[in-house]
Amino acid sequence: MPNQELHRIVSTAIIHKKENGPSTGSGQVKYKYLITKRSPHKKVFPSKWTVPGGGLETDDYATTPPTTDDGHWYYALYTSLRREIKEEVNLEVGFIKYLLDLAFLRPDGIPVITLSFYAPYKSGEVKLDEDATEFIWASYEECKKYDLIKGILDEIRMVDEILNGKSEEEVKFN
């Protein structure tokens, strides 16, 4: 593949909420994470379990007033991710935090940069769009039972560790 500058930019959100019931004996809070099963018609990772997200579109910023006086837009990716979450699962989330990034080539040769974030559930009832067939709120341990896209389980583990007190510097992708 020749060197090129254009990439599809995708963002994902590991949405978490505290599990009802007592915390573990170690004092850790148990969290549930929203995972969804991709439709079998998807080009990339059909029928695999994943977390909500999608591609950045120019309409996520170009159709709104610039946020700077010289015609630029801040928070375009956050706007895009909030739109994708609302479209895919009908939820609102709280403050979005960066986790990590991933680069890969799709089967059709298009280069992709995926930026992974995490955010607390804020409101709404899950309602899936046509891109997903199932959903579940699952603990990190329960997520191990699902056929997740490679790497998603490690990302969920990382968020679980951060939410339970590990510093972001201590948490590593395995």
C-alpha atoms as a PDB file:
ATOM      1  CA  MET A   1       0.000   0.000   0.000  1.00  0.00           C
ATOM      2  CA  PRO A   2       1.436   3.385  -0.937  1.00  0.00           C
ATOM      3  CA  ASN A   3       1.842   5.960   1.818  1.00  0.00           C
ATOM      4  CA  GLN A   4      -1.263   8.103   2.069  1.00  0.00           C
ATOM      5  CA  GLU A   5      -2.667  10.736   4.364  1.00  0.00           C
ATOM      6  CA  LEU A   6      -6.388   9.986   4.306  1.00  0.00           C
ATOM      7  CA  HIS A   7      -7.883   7.723   6.983  1.00  0.00           C
ATOM      8  CA  ARG A   8     -11.384   6.898   8.108  1.00  0.00           C
ATOM      9  CA  ILE A   9     -11.659   8.218  11.665  1.00  0.00           C
ATOM     10  CA  VAL A  10     -13.785   6.136  14.011  1.00  0.00           C
ATOM     11  CA  SER A  11     -14.506   6.533  17.707  1.00  0.00           C
ATOM     12  CA  THR A  12     -15.905   4.026  20.173  1.00  0.00           C
ATOM     13  CA  ALA A  13     -17.302   4.360  23.686  1.00  0.00           C
ATOM     14  CA  ILE A  14     -17.108   1.911  26.525  1.00  0.00           C
ATOM     15  CA  ILE A  15     -20.252   2.949  28.369  1.00  0.00           C
ATOM     16  CA  HIS A  16     -20.272   1.977  32.034  1.00  0.00           C
ATOM     17  CA  LYS A  17     -22.651   2.060  34.954  1.00  0.00           C
ATOM     18  CA  LYS A  18     -22.416   0.840  38.521  1.00  0.00           C
ATOM     19  CA  GLU A  19     -23.896  -2.580  39.077  1.00  0.00           C
ATOM     20  CA  ASN A  20     -26.767  -2.718  41.526  1.00  0.00           C
ATOM     21  CA  GLY A  21     -25.985  -4.514  44.760  1.00  0.00           C
ATOM     22  CA  PRO A  22     -23.075  -4.582  47.188  1.00  0.00           C
ATOM     23  CA  SER A  23     -19.499  -3.988  46.151  1.00  0.00           C
ATOM     24  CA  THR A  24     -16.998  -6.821  46.245  1.00  0.00           C
ATOM     25  CA  GLY A  25     -15.301  -7.768  49.508  1.00  0.00           C
ATOM     26  CA  SER A  26     -12.157  -6.011  48.277  1.00  0.00           C
ATOM     27  CA  GLY A  27     -14.015  -2.691  48.261  1.00  0.00           C
ATOM     28  CA  GLN A  28     -14.122  -2.589  44.473  1.00  0.00           C
ATOM     29  CA  VAL A  29     -17.281  -1.354  42.839  1.00  0.00           C
ATOM     30  CA  LYS A  30     -18.740  -3.661  40.217  1.00  0.00           C
ATOM     31  CA  TYR A  31     -19.442  -2.069  36.868  1.00  0.00           C
ATOM     32  CA  LYS A  32     -21.491  -3.183  33.892  1.00  0.00           C
ATOM     33  CA  TYR A  33     -20.494  -2.334  30.328  1.00  0.00           C
ATOM     34  CA  LEU A  34     -22.774  -2.037  27.321  1.00  0.00           C
ATOM     35  CA  ILE A  35     -21.852  -4.380  24.484  1.00  0.00           C
ATOM     36  CA  THR A  36     -23.759  -4.882  21.253  1.00  0.00           C
ATOM     37  CA  LYS A  37     -23.724  -7.569  18.573  1.00  0.00           C
ATOM     38  CA  ARG A  38     -22.996  -6.243  15.083  1.00  0.00           C
ATOM     39  CA  SER A  39     -25.389  -7.123  12.269  1.00  0.00           C
ATOM     40  CA  PRO A  40     -24.239  -9.898   9.921  1.00  0.00           C
ATOM     41  CA  HIS A  41     -24.383  -7.442   6.966  1.00  0.00           C
ATOM     42  CA  LYS A  42     -21.608  -5.183   8.353  1.00  0.00           C
ATOM     43  CA  LYS A  43     -18.451  -4.929   6.158  1.00  0.00           C
ATOM     44  CA  VAL A  44     -16.104  -5.078   9.123  1.00  0.00           C
ATOM     45  CA  PHE A  45     -16.472  -7.588  11.986  1.00  0.00           C
ATOM     46  CA  PRO A  46     -19.942  -8.931  11.055  1.00  0.00           C
ATOM     47  CA  SER A  47     -21.810 -10.661  13.926  1.00  0.00           C
ATOM     48  CA  LYS A  48     -19.077  -9.812  16.451  1.00  0.00           C
ATOM     49  CA  TRP A  49     -19.784  -8.172  19.796  1.00  0.00           C
ATOM     50  CA  THR A  50     -18.441  -4.660  20.300  1.00  0.00           C
ATOM     51  CA  VAL A  51     -19.130  -1.298  21.932  1.00  0.00           C
ATOM     52  CA  PRO A  52     -21.045   1.624  20.385  1.00  0.00           C
ATOM     53  CA  GLY A  53     -19.265   3.950  18.004  1.00  0.00           C
ATOM     54  CA  GLY A  54     -18.802   4.943  14.417  1.00  0.00           C
ATOM     55  CA  GLY A  55     -17.213   7.250  11.913  1.00  0.00           C
ATOM     56  CA  LEU A  56     -16.617  10.967  12.036  1.00  0.00           C
ATOM     57  CA  GLU A  57     -18.702  12.753   9.401  1.00  0.00           C
ATOM     58  CA  THR A  58     -18.137  16.283   8.132  1.00  0.00           C
ATOM     59  CA  ASP A  59     -21.751  17.091   9.133  1.00  0.00           C
ATOM     60  CA  ASP A  60     -20.674  16.548  12.748  1.00  0.00           C
ATOM     61  CA  TYR A  61     -19.028  19.955  12.561  1.00  0.00           C
ATOM     62  CA  ALA A  62     -19.287  21.671   9.148  1.00  0.00           C
ATOM     63  CA  THR A  63     -23.033  22.271   9.480  1.00  0.00           C
ATOM     64  CA  THR A  64     -22.619  24.027  12.830  1.00  0.00           C
ATOM     65  CA  PRO A  65     -21.105  27.405  13.663  1.00  0.00           C
ATOM     66  CA  PRO A  66     -17.320  27.275  14.176  1.00  0.00           C
ATOM     67  CA  THR A  67     -16.146  27.344  17.782  1.00  0.00           C
ATOM     68  CA  THR A  68     -13.221  29.668  17.004  1.00  0.00           C
ATOM     69  CA  ASP A  69     -13.193  33.077  15.342  1.00  0.00           C
ATOM     70  CA  ASP A  70     -10.960  31.740  12.547  1.00  0.00           C
ATOM     71  CA  GLY A  71     -13.453  29.086  11.385  1.00  0.00           C
ATOM     72  CA  HIS A  72     -12.362  25.926  13.214  1.00  0.00           C
ATOM     73  CA  TRP A  73     -14.341  23.460  15.309  1.00  0.00           C
ATOM     74  CA  TYR A  74     -13.355  22.084  18.696  1.00  0.00           C
ATOM     75  CA  TYR A  75     -14.898  18.836  20.005  1.00  0.00           C
ATOM     76  CA  ALA A  76     -15.882  17.476  16.566  1.00  0.00           C
ATOM     77  CA  LEU A  77     -14.946  13.941  17.601  1.00  0.00           C
ATOM     78  CA  TYR A  78     -16.897  14.161  20.871  1.00  0.00           C
ATOM     79  CA  THR A  79     -19.909  15.499  18.944  1.00  0.00           C
ATOM     80  CA  SER A  80     -19.593  12.615  16.489  1.00  0.00           C
ATOM     81  CA  LEU A  81     -19.308  10.017  19.247  1.00  0.00           C
ATOM     82  CA  ARG A  82     -22.336  11.368  21.110  1.00  0.00           C
ATOM     83  CA  ARG A  83     -24.308  11.281  17.827  1.00  0.00           C
ATOM     84  CA  GLU A  84     -23.220   7.688  17.140  1.00  0.00           C
ATOM     85  CA  ILE A  85     -24.177   6.574  20.670  1.00  0.00           C
ATOM     86  CA  LYS A  86     -27.593   8.204  20.338  1.00  0.00           C
ATOM     87  CA  GLU A  87     -28.176   6.680  16.870  1.00  0.00           C
ATOM     88  CA  GLU A  88     -26.914   3.186  17.730  1.00  0.00           C
ATOM     89  CA  VAL A  89     -28.228   2.625  21.249  1.00  0.00           C
ATOM     90  CA  ASN A  90     -30.413   5.655  22.116  1.00  0.00           C
ATOM     91  CA  LEU A  91     -28.383   6.611  25.210  1.00  0.00           C
ATOM     92  CA  GLU A  92     -26.880   9.793  26.614  1.00  0.00           C
ATOM     93  CA  VAL A  93     -23.485   9.593  28.321  1.00  0.00           C
ATOM     94  CA  GLY A  94     -21.634  11.811  30.754  1.00  0.00           C
ATOM     95  CA  PHE A  95     -18.085  13.125  30.453  1.00  0.00           C
ATOM     96  CA  ILE A  96     -16.141  11.269  27.754  1.00  0.00           C
ATOM     97  CA  LYS A  97     -12.513  10.301  28.513  1.00  0.00           C
ATOM     98  CA  TYR A  98      -9.845   9.113  26.072  1.00  0.00           C
ATOM     99  CA  LEU A  99      -8.547   5.544  26.520  1.00  0.00           C
ATOM    100  CA  LEU A 100      -6.372   4.587  23.518  1.00  0.00           C
ATOM    101  CA  ASP A 101      -6.105   4.458  19.741  1.00  0.00           C
ATOM    102  CA  LEU A 102      -5.859   1.709  17.153  1.00  0.00           C
ATOM    103  CA  ALA A 103      -4.879   1.750  13.480  1.00  0.00           C
ATOM    104  CA  PHE A 104      -5.844  -0.997  11.024  1.00  0.00           C
ATOM    105  CA  LEU A 105      -6.637  -1.686   7.381  1.00  0.00           C
ATOM    106  CA  ARG A 106     -10.186  -2.733   6.568  1.00  0.00           C
ATOM    107  CA  PRO A 107     -10.671  -5.764   4.303  1.00  0.00           C
ATOM    108  CA  ASP A 108     -11.380  -3.327   1.448  1.00  0.00           C
ATOM    109  CA  GLY A 109      -7.984  -1.635   2.013  1.00  0.00           C
ATOM    110  CA  ILE A 110      -9.254   1.565   3.641  1.00  0.00           C
ATOM    111  CA  PRO A 111      -6.988   2.677   6.529  1.00  0.00           C
ATOM    112  CA  VAL A 112      -8.822   3.330   9.793  1.00  0.00           C
ATOM    113  CA  ILE A 113      -7.851   5.173  12.961  1.00  0.00           C
ATOM    114  CA  THR A 114     -10.067   4.171  15.889  1.00  0.00           C
ATOM    115  CA  LEU A 115     -10.044   6.320  19.010  1.00  0.00           C
ATOM    116  CA  SER A 116     -11.423   4.497  22.030  1.00  0.00           C
ATOM    117  CA  PHE A 117     -13.088   6.420  24.837  1.00  0.00           C
ATOM    118  CA  TYR A 118     -15.072   5.587  27.964  1.00  0.00           C
ATOM    119  CA  ALA A 119     -18.014   7.388  29.538  1.00  0.00           C
ATOM    120  CA  PRO A 120     -20.600   6.860  32.255  1.00  0.00           C
ATOM    121  CA  TYR A 121     -24.186   6.064  31.341  1.00  0.00           C
ATOM    122  CA  LYS A 122     -26.305   9.167  31.891  1.00  0.00           C
ATOM    123  CA  SER A 123     -29.838   8.464  30.648  1.00  0.00           C
ATOM    124  CA  GLY A 124     -32.069   6.640  28.205  1.00  0.00           C
ATOM    125  CA  GLU A 125     -33.228   3.116  27.482  1.00  0.00           C
ATOM    126  CA  VAL A 126     -31.247   1.007  25.015  1.00  0.00           C
ATOM    127  CA  LYS A 127     -32.911   0.886  21.617  1.00  0.00           C
ATOM    128  CA  LEU A 128     -30.779  -0.634  18.854  1.00  0.00           C
ATOM    129  CA  ASP A 129     -30.563   0.647  15.285  1.00  0.00           C
ATOM    130  CA  GLU A 130     -30.221  -1.667  12.264  1.00  0.00           C
ATOM    131  CA  ASP A 131     -26.445  -2.024  12.753  1.00  0.00           C
ATOM    132  CA  ALA A 132     -26.865  -4.225  15.848  1.00  0.00           C
ATOM    133  CA  THR A 133     -28.994  -7.254  16.635  1.00  0.00           C
ATOM    134  CA  GLU A 134     -28.537  -7.697  20.405  1.00  0.00           C
ATOM    135  CA  PHE A 135     -27.199  -5.932  23.484  1.00  0.00           C
ATOM    136  CA  ILE A 136     -26.325  -6.703  27.067  1.00  0.00           C
ATOM    137  CA  TRP A 137     -24.999  -4.850  30.097  1.00  0.00           C
ATOM    138  CA  ALA A 138     -22.231  -7.158  31.335  1.00  0.00           C
ATOM    139  CA  SER A 139     -19.448  -7.088  33.910  1.00  0.00           C
ATOM    140  CA  TYR A 140     -15.878  -7.458  32.708  1.00  0.00           C
ATOM    141  CA  GLU A 141     -15.980 -11.140  33.737  1.00  0.00           C
ATOM    142  CA  GLU A 142     -19.271 -11.703  31.911  1.00  0.00           C
ATOM    143  CA  CYS A 143     -17.883 -10.013  28.765  1.00  0.00           C
ATOM    144  CA  LYS A 144     -15.382 -12.878  28.480  1.00  0.00           C
ATOM    145  CA  LYS A 145     -18.262 -15.148  27.394  1.00  0.00           C
ATOM    146  CA  TYR A 146     -19.004 -13.106  24.245  1.00  0.00           C
ATOM    147  CA  ASP A 147     -17.335 -13.210  20.820  1.00  0.00           C
ATOM    148  CA  LEU A 148     -15.963  -9.680  21.062  1.00  0.00           C
ATOM    149  CA  ILE A 149     -13.896  -7.981  18.386  1.00  0.00           C
ATOM    150  CA  LYS A 150     -10.274  -8.669  19.275  1.00  0.00           C
ATOM    151  CA  GLY A 151      -9.006  -6.043  21.718  1.00  0.00           C
ATOM    152  CA  ILE A 152     -12.386  -4.889  23.063  1.00  0.00           C
ATOM    153  CA  LEU A 153     -12.161  -7.164  26.115  1.00  0.00           C
ATOM    154  CA  ASP A 154      -8.747  -5.700  26.983  1.00  0.00           C
ATOM    155  CA  GLU A 155     -10.174  -2.197  26.619  1.00  0.00           C
ATOM    156  CA  ILE A 156     -13.068  -3.068  28.953  1.00  0.00           C
ATOM    157  CA  ARG A 157     -10.572  -4.528  31.449  1.00  0.00           C
ATOM    158  CA  MET A 158      -8.547  -1.320  31.272  1.00  0.00           C
ATOM    159  CA  VAL A 159     -11.612   0.813  31.989  1.00  0.00           C
ATOM    160  CA  ASP A 160     -12.642  -1.525  34.828  1.00  0.00           C
ATOM    161  CA  GLU A 161      -9.196  -1.107  36.398  1.00  0.00           C
ATOM    162  CA  ILE A 162      -9.272   2.691  35.992  1.00  0.00           C
ATOM    163  CA  LEU A 163     -12.757   2.926  37.503  1.00  0.00           C
ATOM    164  CA  ASN A 164     -11.564   0.829  40.436  1.00  0.00           C
ATOM    165  CA  GLY A 165      -8.679   3.125  41.278  1.00  0.00           C
ATOM    166  CA  LYS A 166      -5.694   2.274  39.095  1.00  0.00           C
ATOM    167  CA  SER A 167      -4.058   5.273  37.537  1.00  0.00           C
ATOM    168  CA  GLU A 168      -4.256   5.562  33.764  1.00  0.00           C
ATOM    169  CA  GLU A 169      -0.447   5.276  33.684  1.00  0.00           C
ATOM    170  CA  GLU A 170      -0.592   1.901  35.453  1.00  0.00           C
ATOM    171  CA  VAL A 171      -3.158   0.402  33.084  1.00  0.00           C
ATOM    172  CA  LYS A 172      -1.738  -1.168  29.958  1.00  0.00           C
ATOM    173  CA  PHE A 173      -3.217  -2.879  26.915  1.00  0.00           C
ATOM    174  CA  ASN A 174      -2.208  -6.575  26.837  1.00  0.00           C
END
